[in-house]
Amino acid sequence: MSELAWAIHKDDEGLGVEDVGLRRGTERSAHGLPHKLEPDSGRHGAAITSPTSAEPTHVRFAVDEEIQRWDELLLQSPDEGTVYRCTANIDGMAQQGATPVHLMVDGNAVTAFRVAVPLTGALWILFGPPVLAIDELIRSARAIAAFAADHGVTAVRLRTQLKADPEHDQLLRENGLVRVPTWLDDSTVIVDLTGSEADVQSRFKKRARKSIKRAFREGVTVDRVPATAENCKTLYEMLDATSGGRFNIPTLEISTAVFQRYESSGQGQLFLARHEGEVVVGAFVATFGNTALYLGAGSVRRSPGDPTLCGLGGSRASYALQWDIMQWARDQGCERYDLDGTPSSATIGDLSHPRQGVGQFKTAFSDDITDYLGAYQIAVQPRRAWLMRQLEINAQRLDQSVTMNRLRGRHVRPNPDHVWLRRGSSR
């Protein structure tokens, strides 16, 4: 299955890119839970009444007029949408082989993608739904699964902005949803950009403020450059070196197209930082509403061919880069800056965590780690969905095996934040 997000694991300095006609009557849903299916008034819609609520959830495909103003509808969502749901990102995912699916769930725009999975059929992957409570998520999941039943879908995977809660995880499992890998990081650091520049920096840790000053004393400069083919290639080469096979990245052609699509929409900016005249670190940042997102980045390596050793030395260029990004984001009217990925709040102190350096770098700008609920899957065709999950579990075991990665010459270590990927945790 192809990568379904521009959210790439970061290196040790926090850089990287790292359709419907449902039957009337009371039936059992695809995951074995009883619900009442009712026809919607629209030709392309269905409604489902869940045991968790007397109010039906309506699901249908968006019409052309709604798709044309998709970003506007997203900003009207209860959670105000995210970069990953916007039109620019939809175009980028389509270039990577995913088929966009525009859904309306209880009047809210929901971005989804249809992905073909070998042997087991199609998977709908949703950036959403934009619910604010766990019972709404359960109700929506059931309704979307019922809606997908007539469209050749094996399972539906949802990733909302709800925060992590152990009791919610138990409740979801009791209602037929299983924890699955997310295509986005489950934990992140969000920087508060409100107030004056002095206010913003006052919320940083002392070492971040000192590192920014040191970077400029060392002669580091940060340029906001256009997403030309040359500049995109410069960033891509650092991204590729940062990856070193540890994680998948799109091709240079796709990466360039994605960066240029965001730039043309007025929702993206490419940054390159130089030290002693040489580009040492770069990043691309996207915005949506009042939030900026650290979409992708890379830096030079200390030794060619070894992605684990960052080559920035004592220049502190990455800190100068982040500060310039924040200043730019504030100029765009953003109040939040999402640094997109960190160890969870439970593992941030684990020195053996493979992304420990990422966490240390990013929490220098904010100690507030946001842990999301993560991704959950609901079966539409239970047997096929089970097989799909087992294939995924085994593929991930191989991908995270220290022995297998040693044989493949890859620098990969299992992530303790993903212990739930084990078979015993798949429920």
Protein backbone atom coordinates (compact mmCIF):
# COMPACT_ATOMS: atom_id res chain seq x y z
CA MET A 1 0.00 0.00 0.00
CA SER A 2 1.36 3.39 -0.94
CA GLU A 3 2.24 6.10 1.55
CA LEU A 4 -0.88 8.15 2.25
CA ALA A 5 0.46 11.25 3.83
CA TRP A 6 3.23 13.75 3.51
CA ALA A 7 4.28 13.02 7.08
CA ILE A 8 7.71 11.45 7.20
CA HIS A 9 9.74 10.32 10.20
CA LYS A 10 12.23 12.90 11.35
CA ASP A 11 15.94 12.59 11.98
CA ASP A 12 17.86 13.27 15.16
CA GLU A 13 17.50 17.03 14.93
CA GLY A 14 13.78 16.84 14.29
CA LEU A 15 14.19 17.18 10.55
CA GLY A 16 12.85 15.11 7.73
CA VAL A 17 9.97 14.97 5.96
CA GLU A 18 9.82 12.19 7.63
CA ASP A 19 -21.81 5.34 -4.11
CA VAL A 20 -25.81 3.83 -2.43
CA GLY A 21 -28.99 1.97 -1.86
CA LEU A 22 -29.21 0.35 1.54
CA ARG A 23 -31.91 -2.15 2.40
CA ARG A 24 -34.77 -1.12 4.66
CA GLY A 25 -35.26 -2.73 8.02
CA THR A 26 -33.15 -3.76 10.95
CA GLU A 27 -30.01 -5.67 9.97
CA ARG A 28 -26.60 -6.51 11.28
CA SER A 29 -23.76 -4.30 10.22
CA ALA A 30 -20.66 -5.70 8.56
CA HIS A 31 -18.92 -5.89 11.93
CA GLY A 32 -21.75 -7.81 13.58
CA LEU A 33 -23.37 -4.91 15.45
CA PRO A 34 -27.12 -4.34 15.18
CA HIS A 35 -28.33 -1.14 13.67
CA LYS A 36 -31.31 0.19 11.79
CA LEU A 37 -30.78 1.18 8.18
CA GLU A 38 -33.03 3.85 6.75
CA PRO A 39 -33.18 5.36 3.26
CA ASP A 40 -31.95 8.92 2.93
CA SER A 41 -33.89 11.41 0.88
CA GLY A 42 -31.00 11.71 -1.59
CA ARG A 43 -30.35 9.23 -4.39
CA HIS A 44 -26.76 8.85 -3.21
CA GLY A 45 -27.25 8.75 0.53
CA ALA A 46 -27.99 6.49 3.44
CA ALA A 47 -28.74 6.98 7.11
CA ILE A 48 -28.01 4.74 10.03
CA THR A 49 -29.43 4.86 13.53
CA SER A 50 -26.86 3.67 16.03
CA PRO A 51 -27.47 2.28 19.53
CA THR A 52 -25.34 5.17 20.81
CA SER A 53 -27.77 7.81 19.60
CA ALA A 54 -31.39 8.29 18.58
CA GLU A 55 -30.27 10.69 15.86
CA PRO A 56 -29.38 9.08 12.50
CA THR A 57 -26.05 9.78 10.83
CA HIS A 58 -26.41 10.66 7.15
CA VAL A 59 -23.65 9.75 4.70
CA ARG A 60 -23.48 10.53 0.99
CA PHE A 61 -21.04 11.48 -1.72
CA ALA A 62 -20.38 15.19 -2.15
CA VAL A 63 -21.82 16.81 -5.26
CA ASP A 64 -19.72 18.78 -7.73
CA GLU A 65 -20.65 22.15 -6.24
CA GLU A 66 -19.48 21.02 -2.80
CA ILE A 67 -16.22 19.59 -4.15
CA GLN A 68 -15.49 22.91 -5.86
CA ARG A 69 -15.59 24.67 -2.49
CA TRP A 70 -14.14 21.81 -0.47
CA ASP A 71 -11.67 23.87 1.54
CA GLU A 72 -14.39 26.31 2.52
CA LEU A 73 -16.53 23.44 3.80
CA LEU A 74 -13.61 21.93 5.70
CA LEU A 75 -13.01 25.17 7.57
CA GLN A 76 -16.65 25.02 8.68
CA SER A 77 -16.11 21.59 10.25
CA PRO A 78 -16.42 21.25 14.03
CA ASP A 79 -12.63 20.76 14.24
CA GLU A 80 -11.88 23.31 11.49
CA GLY A 81 -10.17 20.79 9.23
CA THR A 82 -6.47 20.12 8.71
CA VAL A 83 -3.85 20.45 5.99
CA TYR A 84 -4.21 16.73 5.27
CA ARG A 85 -7.86 17.15 4.26
CA CYS A 86 -7.45 20.15 1.97
CA THR A 87 -7.61 20.25 -1.82
CA ALA A 88 -3.87 20.72 -2.27
CA ASN A 89 -3.17 17.57 -0.27
CA ILE A 90 -5.90 15.66 -2.10
CA ASP A 91 -4.16 16.48 -5.37
CA GLY A 92 -0.83 15.34 -3.92
CA MET A 93 -2.24 12.03 -2.73
CA ALA A 94 -3.86 11.45 -6.13
CA GLN A 95 -0.44 11.87 -7.72
CA GLN A 96 0.80 9.09 -5.43
CA GLY A 97 -1.86 6.67 -6.64
CA ALA A 98 -4.70 7.13 -4.18
CA THR A 99 -8.23 7.77 -5.49
CA PRO A 100 -9.96 10.70 -3.73
CA VAL A 101 -13.39 10.12 -2.20
CA HIS A 102 -15.35 13.20 -1.13
CA LEU A 103 -17.94 12.34 1.52
CA MET A 104 -20.54 14.36 3.38
CA VAL A 105 -21.18 12.97 6.86
CA ASP A 106 -23.96 14.72 8.76
CA GLY A 107 -23.35 17.75 6.56
CA ASN A 108 -19.61 17.85 7.24
CA ALA A 109 -17.02 17.49 4.47
CA VAL A 110 -14.87 14.38 4.98
CA THR A 111 -11.79 13.72 2.85
CA ALA A 112 -11.12 10.06 2.07
CA PHE A 113 -9.03 7.98 -0.29
CA ARG A 114 -9.72 4.62 -1.87
CA VAL A 115 -6.69 2.34 -1.93
CA ALA A 116 -6.48 -1.08 -3.55
CA VAL A 117 -4.93 -3.71 -1.26
CA PRO A 118 -3.60 -6.90 -2.89
CA LEU A 119 -5.76 -10.02 -2.41
CA THR A 120 -8.26 -8.38 -0.07
CA GLY A 121 -9.99 -5.57 -1.96
CA ALA A 122 -10.30 -1.85 -1.40
CA LEU A 123 -9.77 0.22 1.70
CA TRP A 124 -11.31 3.60 2.40
CA ILE A 125 -8.94 5.78 4.41
CA LEU A 126 -10.56 8.82 6.01
CA PHE A 127 -8.93 12.00 7.29
CA GLY A 128 -11.71 12.41 9.81
CA PRO A 129 -14.62 12.42 10.45
CA PRO A 130 -14.50 15.79 12.22
CA VAL A 131 -16.26 14.64 15.39
CA LEU A 132 -15.85 16.13 18.83
CA ALA A 133 -16.91 13.16 20.96
CA ILE A 134 -16.29 9.42 21.01
CA ASP A 135 -19.97 8.46 20.62
CA GLU A 136 -20.09 10.57 17.46
CA LEU A 137 -17.07 8.68 16.12
CA ILE A 138 -18.72 5.29 16.75
CA ARG A 139 -21.95 6.43 15.13
CA SER A 140 -20.15 7.89 12.13
CA ALA A 141 -17.95 4.81 11.69
CA ARG A 142 -20.97 2.54 11.53
CA ALA A 143 -22.76 4.79 9.10
CA ILE A 144 -19.78 5.12 6.79
CA ALA A 145 -19.20 1.35 6.85
CA ALA A 146 -22.86 0.76 5.93
CA PHE A 147 -22.57 3.30 3.14
CA ALA A 148 -19.37 1.69 1.83
CA ALA A 149 -20.95 -1.77 1.72
CA ASP A 150 -22.36 -1.24 -1.79
CA HIS A 151 -19.12 0.12 -3.20
CA GLY A 152 -16.75 -2.83 -3.10
CA VAL A 153 -15.00 -1.71 0.08
CA THR A 154 -13.49 -4.26 2.46
CA ALA A 155 -12.86 -1.94 5.41
CA VAL A 156 -12.98 1.70 6.43
CA ARG A 157 -10.11 3.30 8.31
CA LEU A 158 -10.68 6.53 10.24
CA ARG A 159 -8.27 9.00 11.78
CA THR A 160 -9.86 11.87 13.69
CA GLN A 161 -8.46 14.75 15.73
CA LEU A 162 -9.82 13.32 18.99
CA LYS A 163 -7.25 13.12 21.76
CA ALA A 164 -6.02 9.79 23.15
CA ASP A 165 -7.96 8.28 26.04
CA PRO A 166 -7.53 4.66 27.25
CA GLU A 167 -11.23 4.41 28.08
CA HIS A 168 -12.12 5.51 24.57
CA ASP A 169 -9.86 2.84 23.11
CA GLN A 170 -11.72 0.20 25.11
CA LEU A 171 -15.09 1.59 24.05
CA LEU A 172 -14.14 1.57 20.39
CA ARG A 173 -12.99 -2.04 20.57
CA GLU A 174 -16.25 -3.01 22.25
CA ASN A 175 -18.07 -1.42 19.33
CA GLY A 176 -16.21 -3.29 16.60
CA LEU A 177 -13.36 -0.90 15.77
CA VAL A 178 -9.77 -2.15 15.89
CA ARG A 179 -6.58 -0.19 16.35
CA VAL A 180 -4.57 -0.02 13.14
CA PRO A 181 -1.48 1.80 11.83
CA THR A 182 -2.00 5.45 11.15
CA TRP A 183 -0.59 7.22 8.13
CA LEU A 184 -0.05 10.25 10.37
CA ASP A 185 1.91 10.53 13.58
CA ASP A 186 -0.18 9.80 16.67
CA SER A 187 1.70 12.39 18.74
CA THR A 188 2.92 15.84 17.88
CA VAL A 189 4.14 19.14 19.30
CA ILE A 190 2.05 22.21 18.56
CA VAL A 191 3.63 25.63 19.07
CA ASP A 192 1.48 28.57 20.17
CA LEU A 193 2.15 31.48 17.78
CA THR A 194 -0.17 34.01 19.41
CA GLY A 195 1.00 37.26 20.94
CA SER A 196 4.14 39.16 20.00
CA GLU A 197 7.35 37.52 18.77
CA ALA A 198 8.74 38.04 22.27
CA ASP A 199 5.68 36.26 23.68
CA VAL A 200 6.24 33.32 21.33
CA GLN A 201 9.91 32.97 22.24
CA SER A 202 9.17 33.34 25.95
CA ARG A 203 7.31 30.02 25.72
CA PHE A 204 10.37 28.25 24.27
CA LYS A 205 12.82 26.44 26.48
CA LYS A 206 16.00 28.37 27.24
CA ARG A 207 18.10 26.14 24.98
CA ALA A 208 15.90 26.94 21.98
CA ARG A 209 16.27 30.69 22.50
CA LYS A 210 20.04 30.33 22.98
CA SER A 211 20.35 28.09 19.92
CA ILE A 212 18.51 30.59 17.71
CA LYS A 213 20.85 33.36 18.79
CA ARG A 214 23.90 31.15 18.33
CA ALA A 215 22.80 30.15 14.83
CA PHE A 216 22.70 33.75 13.70
CA ARG A 217 26.06 34.45 15.38
CA GLU A 218 27.45 31.48 13.43
CA GLY A 219 26.32 33.17 10.22
CA VAL A 220 23.32 30.93 9.48
CA THR A 221 20.87 32.47 7.02
CA VAL A 222 17.38 31.27 6.13
CA ASP A 223 15.85 32.00 2.74
CA ARG A 224 12.22 31.67 1.69
CA VAL A 225 12.62 30.45 -1.86
CA PRO A 226 10.22 29.59 -4.68
CA ALA A 227 9.46 25.93 -5.31
CA THR A 228 11.44 25.79 -8.54
CA ALA A 229 12.61 22.45 -9.89
CA GLU A 230 16.14 23.27 -8.69
CA ASN A 231 15.10 24.26 -5.17
CA CYS A 232 12.79 21.25 -4.84
CA LYS A 233 15.66 19.01 -5.92
CA THR A 234 17.94 20.56 -3.31
CA LEU A 235 15.39 19.82 -0.58
CA TYR A 236 14.66 16.37 -1.96
CA GLU A 237 18.30 15.32 -1.96
CA MET A 238 18.57 16.21 1.73
CA LEU A 239 15.32 14.40 2.40
CA ASP A 240 16.57 11.34 0.56
CA ALA A 241 19.82 11.40 2.55
CA THR A 242 17.86 11.78 5.79
CA SER A 243 15.67 8.83 4.83
CA GLY A 244 18.49 6.49 3.89
CA GLY A 245 15.90 3.76 3.32
CA ARG A 246 14.54 4.06 6.87
CA PHE A 247 11.17 5.23 5.56
CA ASN A 248 9.46 5.60 2.22
CA ILE A 249 9.38 8.93 0.41
CA PRO A 250 7.71 9.92 -2.85
CA THR A 251 9.84 10.32 -5.96
CA LEU A 252 11.53 13.58 -6.86
CA GLU A 253 8.91 14.19 -9.54
CA ILE A 254 5.99 13.69 -7.17
CA SER A 255 7.66 15.65 -4.38
CA THR A 256 8.24 18.58 -6.71
CA ALA A 257 4.66 18.46 -7.97
CA VAL A 258 3.29 18.40 -4.41
CA PHE A 259 5.44 21.32 -3.28
CA GLN A 260 4.50 23.34 -6.35
CA ARG A 261 0.80 22.55 -5.91
CA TYR A 262 0.84 23.91 -2.36
CA GLU A 263 2.78 26.98 -3.44
CA SER A 264 0.39 27.73 -6.31
CA SER A 265 -2.55 27.54 -3.91
CA GLY A 266 -0.91 30.10 -1.64
CA GLN A 267 -0.71 27.48 1.11
CA GLY A 268 2.95 26.55 1.09
CA GLN A 269 6.51 27.84 1.35
CA LEU A 270 9.92 26.25 0.79
CA PHE A 271 12.75 27.22 3.17
CA LEU A 272 16.50 26.67 2.75
CA ALA A 273 19.03 27.43 5.51
CA ARG A 274 22.71 28.02 4.73
CA HIS A 275 25.82 27.89 6.85
CA GLU A 276 29.08 29.22 5.43
CA GLY A 277 27.39 29.53 2.06
CA GLU A 278 26.26 25.90 1.85
CA VAL A 279 22.65 24.71 2.12
CA VAL A 280 22.56 22.50 5.21
CA VAL A 281 18.87 22.11 5.99
CA GLY A 282 15.57 22.75 4.23
CA ALA A 283 11.86 22.40 4.84
CA PHE A 284 8.48 22.81 3.23
CA VAL A 285 5.62 24.18 5.31
CA ALA A 286 1.93 24.17 4.43
CA THR A 287 -0.94 26.12 5.95
CA PHE A 288 -4.67 25.60 6.32
CA GLY A 289 -6.89 27.96 8.25
CA ASN A 290 -4.98 29.20 11.27
CA THR A 291 -2.53 26.28 11.41
CA ALA A 292 0.87 25.80 9.77
CA LEU A 293 2.22 22.28 9.31
CA TYR A 294 5.85 21.15 9.13
CA LEU A 295 5.15 19.10 6.03
CA GLY A 296 8.58 17.82 5.02
CA ALA A 297 12.25 18.50 5.60
CA GLY A 298 15.77 17.13 5.40
CA SER A 299 19.33 18.04 6.31
CA VAL A 300 22.87 17.16 5.35
CA ARG A 301 24.40 13.99 6.82
CA ARG A 302 27.68 13.77 8.69
CA SER A 303 28.81 10.75 6.67
CA PRO A 304 27.58 9.91 3.17
CA GLY A 305 25.37 6.83 3.24
CA ASP A 306 24.69 6.98 6.98
CA PRO A 307 21.30 8.61 7.58
CA THR A 308 21.49 8.29 11.36
CA LEU A 309 24.11 11.01 11.86
CA CYS A 310 22.99 14.59 11.29
CA GLY A 311 25.68 16.79 9.78
CA LEU A 312 24.63 20.20 11.09
CA GLY A 313 27.35 20.25 13.72
CA GLY A 314 27.26 23.16 16.14
CA SER A 315 25.69 25.67 13.76
CA ARG A 316 22.21 25.26 15.28
CA ALA A 317 20.86 25.88 11.77
CA SER A 318 17.73 23.82 12.44
CA TYR A 319 16.72 26.21 15.23
CA ALA A 320 17.15 29.25 13.00
CA LEU A 321 15.09 27.49 10.32
CA GLN A 322 12.24 26.81 12.73
CA TRP A 323 12.18 30.36 14.01
CA ASP A 324 11.98 31.75 10.47
CA ILE A 325 9.18 29.30 9.68
CA MET A 326 7.25 30.53 12.71
CA GLN A 327 7.72 34.16 11.71
CA TRP A 328 6.46 33.37 8.22
CA ALA A 329 3.49 31.42 9.59
CA ARG A 330 2.52 34.36 11.80
CA ASP A 331 2.62 36.61 8.72
CA GLN A 332 0.15 34.18 7.10
CA GLY A 333 -2.25 34.64 10.00
CA CYS A 334 -1.49 31.29 11.65
CA GLU A 335 -1.93 30.91 15.39
CA ARG A 336 -0.56 27.36 15.66
CA TYR A 337 2.45 25.57 14.23
CA ASP A 338 2.25 21.79 14.11
CA LEU A 339 5.73 20.24 14.21
CA ASP A 340 4.19 16.98 12.95
CA GLY A 341 5.53 14.05 14.89
CA THR A 342 7.27 13.24 18.16
CA PRO A 343 7.49 10.39 20.66
CA SER A 344 4.32 10.20 22.72
CA SER A 345 4.00 11.90 26.10
CA ALA A 346 4.41 8.44 27.66
CA THR A 347 7.73 7.72 25.91
CA ILE A 348 9.26 11.18 25.53
CA GLY A 349 11.71 10.39 28.35
CA ASP A 350 12.77 7.03 26.89
CA LEU A 351 16.39 7.49 25.84
CA SER A 352 16.26 4.32 23.72
CA HIS A 353 13.36 5.59 21.63
CA PRO A 354 14.46 5.74 17.96
CA ARG A 355 13.03 9.24 17.71
CA GLN A 356 14.29 10.49 21.04
CA GLY A 357 16.34 13.20 19.33
CA VAL A 358 13.25 14.33 17.44
CA GLY A 359 11.35 14.72 20.67
CA GLN A 360 14.13 16.62 22.39
CA PHE A 361 14.43 19.03 19.49
CA LYS A 362 10.72 19.72 19.08
CA THR A 363 9.87 20.00 22.76
CA ALA A 364 12.44 22.79 22.96
CA PHE A 365 9.73 24.94 21.35
CA SER A 366 6.83 23.62 23.43
CA ASP A 367 6.52 21.10 26.24
CA ASP A 368 2.92 20.40 25.31
CA ILE A 369 2.75 17.06 23.49
CA THR A 370 -0.59 16.28 21.86
CA ASP A 371 -1.42 12.57 21.76
CA TYR A 372 -4.16 11.71 19.27
CA LEU A 373 -6.53 8.77 19.51
CA GLY A 374 -4.95 7.31 16.37
CA ALA A 375 -6.43 5.31 13.53
CA TYR A 376 -9.18 2.72 13.85
CA GLN A 377 -10.67 0.34 11.33
CA ILE A 378 -14.21 -0.96 10.98
CA ALA A 379 -14.93 -3.99 8.82
CA VAL A 380 -17.31 -3.90 5.88
CA GLN A 381 -16.53 -7.45 4.77
CA PRO A 382 -15.35 -9.11 8.01
CA ARG A 383 -13.41 -12.08 6.60
CA ARG A 384 -11.57 -10.05 4.02
CA ALA A 385 -10.95 -7.28 6.54
CA TRP A 386 -9.42 -9.82 8.94
CA LEU A 387 -7.13 -11.13 6.19
CA MET A 388 -6.18 -7.57 5.22
CA ARG A 389 -5.19 -6.87 8.82
CA GLN A 390 -3.12 -10.06 9.17
CA LEU A 391 -1.20 -9.30 5.97
CA GLU A 392 -0.51 -5.82 7.30
CA ILE A 393 0.64 -7.07 10.68
CA ASN A 394 3.10 -9.51 9.11
CA ALA A 395 4.39 -6.90 6.67
CA GLN A 396 5.03 -4.53 9.56
CA ARG A 397 6.77 -7.21 11.56
CA LEU A 398 9.19 -7.69 8.70
CA ASP A 399 9.57 -3.95 8.19
CA GLN A 400 10.40 -3.37 11.86
CA SER A 401 12.56 -6.47 12.32
CA VAL A 402 16.06 -5.49 13.39
CA THR A 403 17.45 -8.63 11.73
CA MET A 404 15.63 -8.11 8.44
CA ASN A 405 16.68 -4.48 8.28
CA ARG A 406 20.26 -5.41 8.99
CA LEU A 407 20.15 -7.82 6.05
CA ARG A 408 18.65 -5.09 3.88
CA GLY A 409 21.21 -2.56 5.05
CA ARG A 410 18.54 -0.28 6.52
CA HIS A 411 18.89 1.75 9.69
CA VAL A 412 15.52 0.92 11.24
CA ARG A 413 14.66 0.29 14.86
CA PRO A 414 11.23 -0.72 16.22
CA ASN A 415 9.25 2.22 17.55
CA PRO A 416 8.03 1.65 21.14
CA ASP A 417 5.06 3.90 20.42
CA HIS A 418 3.83 1.24 17.96
CA VAL A 419 3.73 -1.75 20.30
CA TRP A 420 0.02 -2.13 19.53
CA LEU A 421 1.00 -3.30 16.04
CA ARG A 422 1.75 -6.74 17.45
CA ARG A 423 -0.75 -9.46 16.70
CA GLY A 424 -1.83 -9.70 20.33
CA SER A 425 -2.84 -6.05 20.24
CA SER A 426 -4.84 -6.20 17.02
CA ARG A 427 -7.93 -7.41 18.87
